[in-house]
Amino acid sequence: MNKTTIDSAGRILLSNAVAREVGNCPLEVVSHSDRHILLADGGASGNVTLTGVLGDLGVPDLLSFFNMFRKTGVLRFRLAGGNKDLYFQDGEVVFATSSFLEEDLGEILCGLGKIDRDSLQRLRRLANEKGRLGKLLVEKGAATPKDLWLGTRQQVETIVYNLFTAHQGSFSFIAKALEKEEIVRLSMSTQNLIMEGLRRVDERALFMRRIGSMEAIPVPGDRPPAELSPAARRMMLVIREGKYDVRDLLRKSGVDEFEGIRCLYQMIEKGQVAMEEAPSVTVEGDLGEVLNVFNGALVVLYRQVSEKNADFAQLMQLFLRDLPQPFSYVFRDASLRQDGSIDGRRILGNLAGLEEGDKKRLLVEALSELVYAECGLARQELGKAESDELIQRVQEVTRRVKNIIGRNE
């Protein structure tokens, strides 16, 4: 978290990221003490009545508070990688939204088997042009109104349950009437959500001790599977098809993460599945060279910009999440390492199945997009004089990559 001070004229210097988000809205001091200042948008509907950071005060505590005192409004979470909003009506959760891709309505419906992946991608492009995805799904006959209702309910539950694993981030509550909000109002019990969320946290920890990690590889075990549930049956088919890590296994079998981890744990316990450690991957050939060249530039950019903006890594992770297709596909589940480089193993897994030429082209275009974005942020944070030399060094990447690509063309 960036630190700032109040100068002698009473002015506060905010980071570029915060300034861009707040924009030009009129701010007013809502509350203050010798330890904090709370500024809020004076022209927005609703009042910010509670804000803070996750830590000693956790998600279950917050949900219990708003339920106990029958609050109405929107509880907003800013987390590493995305944001979530929970809508309360008289203390009960009635809706939720999320910017995390895995909690998107389309992904939920795909996991439930209500829509296939190709149809979903096609309708996503239409939704970007014409409106909301849910409405298009029904209009195009890809899902029934009942499917949409079931998917929306599961989406809200997934958003809430996944919050229970969040231990860092910030939150704010805006007290406001929901009459004008364009939301689907669901009848849900906040207390039931709390109890189920806590149960899932405990069980997930147990399951993951046996599974190891999301990068581990499930393989067929010594005992033949029998009496498998529908979800476990789909997972076993994928396990027999090839060696995929846990994350890819869940995606390919279309199983909800928690349900999939539970099924995998049960199959391991019965000897139907065994776990192998993820192999160390050395990226060789032209793809390896391209990754190494770009990673060199990313490390240099990260080292210098993060000294000025401690939120740099988080900003770039958000950038990866919000990229359009096909770049979002290339960076799916990929993350920046502590030194600012990108996880090449995950990217190569995403590119698997493509022709070598297409792999190389997509890899170069996606990484160029990332480097270009980081250069833009470097110019903002470092200023022209300091950033010009850095960006000039980074631009050498383009020449080196062109040489690598041109060798085999």
Foldseek 3Di string as FASTA:
>chain_A
DDDWDQDPVRDTDDDPVVCVVVDPADWDFPDDDPVDTDIDRPPDAFDFDDKDKFAPQAPLNVLVVCQVQQAFFWKKWDAQQWIKIFGGGGSFTFAMDILFPCLDLLLLLCLVVLAPPVVSVVLVVVCVVPHDSLVVCCVVVSHPPVSSVVSRVVSRLVVLLVRRVDRTTMMITTGHHCPPPPGGTHDGGSVVSSVVSVVLVVVLVVLCVQQPDQLKWKAFFDDADDDADLLLVLLVVVRDVDTDGNVVSCSNSSHDNSVSSVSVSVCVVVRGIDIGGRDDDQDDALLNVLLVLLQVLQLLLCVPQCVQPVCVQSVLSNVLSPDDPPLVLLCPVWGADPSRGIDPVVSVVSVPPDDPVVSLVSSNVNSVVSSVVSLVSCCVRVPDVVSVVSVVVSVVSVVVSCVSVVVVD
